[in-house]
N, C-alpha and C. Protein backbone atom coordinates (compact mmCIF):
# COMPACT_ATOMS: atom_id res chain seq x y z
N MET A 1 91.27 103.32 79.75
CA MET A 1 91.22 104.44 80.67
C MET A 1 92.16 104.17 81.84
N GLU A 2 92.96 105.15 82.16
CA GLU A 2 93.92 105.01 83.24
C GLU A 2 93.25 105.27 84.59
N THR A 3 93.48 104.38 85.54
CA THR A 3 92.91 104.57 86.87
C THR A 3 93.90 105.35 87.72
N LYS A 4 93.35 106.24 88.52
CA LYS A 4 94.18 107.04 89.42
C LYS A 4 94.35 106.29 90.73
N LYS A 5 95.53 106.40 91.30
CA LYS A 5 95.80 105.78 92.59
C LYS A 5 96.28 106.86 93.55
N LEU A 6 95.90 106.70 94.78
CA LEU A 6 96.28 107.65 95.82
C LEU A 6 97.60 107.24 96.43
N TYR A 7 98.58 108.15 96.39
CA TYR A 7 99.87 107.94 97.00
C TYR A 7 100.24 109.16 97.81
N ARG A 8 101.14 108.99 98.77
CA ARG A 8 101.74 110.14 99.45
C ARG A 8 102.73 110.79 98.49
N SER A 9 102.74 112.10 98.47
CA SER A 9 103.60 112.83 97.55
C SER A 9 105.06 112.80 98.02
N ASN A 10 105.96 112.63 97.07
CA ASN A 10 107.39 112.70 97.37
C ASN A 10 107.92 114.12 97.23
N THR A 11 107.27 114.92 96.40
CA THR A 11 107.77 116.26 96.10
C THR A 11 107.01 117.37 96.81
N ASN A 12 105.71 117.23 96.94
CA ASN A 12 104.87 118.27 97.52
C ASN A 12 104.47 117.86 98.93
N LYS A 13 105.41 117.98 99.86
CA LYS A 13 105.11 117.55 101.21
C LYS A 13 105.68 118.53 102.22
N VAL A 14 105.03 118.59 103.37
CA VAL A 14 105.51 119.37 104.50
C VAL A 14 105.98 118.41 105.58
N PHE A 15 105.15 117.42 105.90
CA PHE A 15 105.54 116.44 106.91
C PHE A 15 105.66 115.05 106.30
N ALA A 16 104.55 114.48 105.85
CA ALA A 16 104.59 113.12 105.32
C ALA A 16 104.05 113.02 103.90
N GLY A 17 103.56 114.11 103.34
CA GLY A 17 103.06 114.09 101.97
C GLY A 17 101.61 113.69 101.81
N ILE A 18 100.87 113.64 102.92
CA ILE A 18 99.46 113.23 102.85
C ILE A 18 98.64 114.26 102.07
N CYS A 19 98.68 115.51 102.46
CA CYS A 19 97.89 116.54 101.79
C CYS A 19 98.38 116.77 100.36
N GLY A 20 99.68 116.66 100.14
CA GLY A 20 100.21 116.79 98.78
C GLY A 20 99.70 115.67 97.89
N GLY A 21 99.67 114.46 98.41
CA GLY A 21 99.16 113.33 97.64
C GLY A 21 97.67 113.44 97.36
N LEU A 22 96.91 113.89 98.36
CA LEU A 22 95.47 114.10 98.15
C LEU A 22 95.23 115.19 97.11
N GLY A 23 96.05 116.25 97.16
CA GLY A 23 95.91 117.32 96.19
C GLY A 23 96.22 116.86 94.78
N GLU A 24 97.27 116.05 94.63
CA GLU A 24 97.61 115.51 93.31
C GLU A 24 96.51 114.58 92.81
N TYR A 25 95.93 113.80 93.69
CA TYR A 25 94.89 112.85 93.32
C TYR A 25 93.61 113.56 92.87
N ALA A 26 93.23 114.62 93.60
CA ALA A 26 91.97 115.30 93.34
C ALA A 26 92.14 116.58 92.52
N ASN A 27 93.36 116.89 92.10
CA ASN A 27 93.64 118.13 91.35
C ASN A 27 93.20 119.37 92.11
N ILE A 28 93.54 119.40 93.40
CA ILE A 28 93.24 120.52 94.28
C ILE A 28 94.56 121.03 94.83
N ASP A 29 94.65 122.33 95.04
CA ASP A 29 95.86 122.91 95.61
C ASP A 29 96.08 122.34 97.02
N PRO A 30 97.23 121.74 97.28
CA PRO A 30 97.49 121.16 98.60
C PRO A 30 97.45 122.18 99.74
N VAL A 31 97.71 123.44 99.44
CA VAL A 31 97.65 124.46 100.50
C VAL A 31 96.22 124.57 101.02
N LEU A 32 95.23 124.48 100.13
CA LEU A 32 93.83 124.52 100.57
C LEU A 32 93.50 123.31 101.43
N LEU A 33 94.02 122.14 101.05
CA LEU A 33 93.79 120.94 101.86
C LEU A 33 94.44 121.05 103.23
N ARG A 34 95.64 121.65 103.27
CA ARG A 34 96.32 121.82 104.56
C ARG A 34 95.54 122.77 105.46
N LEU A 35 95.00 123.85 104.90
CA LEU A 35 94.18 124.78 105.69
C LEU A 35 92.91 124.11 106.17
N PHE A 36 92.27 123.34 105.30
CA PHE A 36 91.06 122.62 105.68
C PHE A 36 91.36 121.61 106.79
N TRP A 37 92.49 120.90 106.66
CA TRP A 37 92.90 119.93 107.69
C TRP A 37 93.15 120.63 109.02
N LEU A 38 93.78 121.79 108.97
CA LEU A 38 94.05 122.56 110.18
C LEU A 38 92.75 122.96 110.86
N LEU A 39 91.75 123.38 110.09
CA LEU A 39 90.45 123.72 110.67
C LEU A 39 89.79 122.50 111.30
N ILE A 40 89.89 121.37 110.64
CA ILE A 40 89.32 120.14 111.20
C ILE A 40 90.00 119.80 112.53
N VAL A 41 91.32 119.92 112.58
CA VAL A 41 92.06 119.60 113.81
C VAL A 41 91.67 120.56 114.93
N ILE A 42 91.56 121.84 114.61
CA ILE A 42 91.23 122.83 115.63
C ILE A 42 89.82 122.63 116.18
N PHE A 43 88.85 122.42 115.29
CA PHE A 43 87.45 122.36 115.73
C PHE A 43 87.00 120.98 116.22
N SER A 44 87.77 119.94 115.92
CA SER A 44 87.38 118.62 116.42
C SER A 44 88.15 118.24 117.68
N GLY A 45 89.01 119.11 118.11
CA GLY A 45 89.91 118.75 119.19
C GLY A 45 91.19 118.26 118.53
N VAL A 46 92.28 118.50 119.12
CA VAL A 46 93.56 118.22 118.47
C VAL A 46 93.80 116.72 118.29
N ALA A 47 93.47 115.92 119.27
CA ALA A 47 93.79 114.50 119.25
C ALA A 47 93.17 113.73 118.08
N PRO A 48 91.86 113.88 117.77
CA PRO A 48 91.31 113.10 116.65
C PRO A 48 91.95 113.44 115.31
N GLY A 49 92.26 114.71 115.09
CA GLY A 49 92.89 115.10 113.83
C GLY A 49 94.28 114.54 113.68
N ILE A 50 95.04 114.55 114.76
CA ILE A 50 96.41 114.02 114.72
C ILE A 50 96.39 112.50 114.56
N VAL A 51 95.47 111.84 115.24
CA VAL A 51 95.35 110.38 115.11
C VAL A 51 94.97 110.01 113.67
N ALA A 52 94.04 110.75 113.08
CA ALA A 52 93.64 110.48 111.69
C ALA A 52 94.81 110.69 110.73
N TYR A 53 95.62 111.71 110.96
CA TYR A 53 96.78 111.96 110.11
C TYR A 53 97.81 110.84 110.24
N ILE A 54 98.04 110.39 111.45
CA ILE A 54 98.99 109.30 111.67
C ILE A 54 98.48 108.01 111.02
N LEU A 55 97.19 107.74 111.12
CA LEU A 55 96.62 106.58 110.44
C LEU A 55 96.78 106.69 108.93
N ALA A 56 96.59 107.89 108.40
CA ALA A 56 96.75 108.09 106.96
C ALA A 56 98.18 107.83 106.52
N ILE A 57 99.15 108.14 107.37
CA ILE A 57 100.55 107.88 107.04
C ILE A 57 100.76 106.37 106.83
N PHE A 58 100.13 105.56 107.67
CA PHE A 58 100.30 104.12 107.56
C PHE A 58 99.43 103.49 106.49
N ILE A 59 98.29 104.10 106.15
CA ILE A 59 97.35 103.52 105.19
C ILE A 59 97.72 103.89 103.76
N ILE A 60 98.06 105.15 103.50
CA ILE A 60 98.35 105.60 102.14
C ILE A 60 99.81 105.30 101.83
N PRO A 61 100.06 104.53 100.77
CA PRO A 61 101.45 104.15 100.47
C PRO A 61 102.24 105.29 99.83
N LYS A 62 103.57 105.20 99.94
CA LYS A 62 104.44 106.16 99.28
C LYS A 62 104.43 105.89 97.77
N ARG A 63 104.65 106.96 97.00
CA ARG A 63 104.74 106.80 95.56
C ARG A 63 106.00 105.99 95.24
N PRO A 64 105.85 104.95 94.39
CA PRO A 64 107.01 104.11 94.08
C PRO A 64 108.05 104.85 93.23
């Protein structure tokens, strides 16, 4: 059985490929993830959402 690994997307990206990579990993449309992320950023205050995104850039590796 092949194990799935989470990577930042090289092809489906707007800024760093985080939502594109999550969408590829979970078989979800990345546009829905981007809208969900936007709602999280708006309702949690802008700073925590942006900090979480920046952390994800450093934690999730690029696709080789």
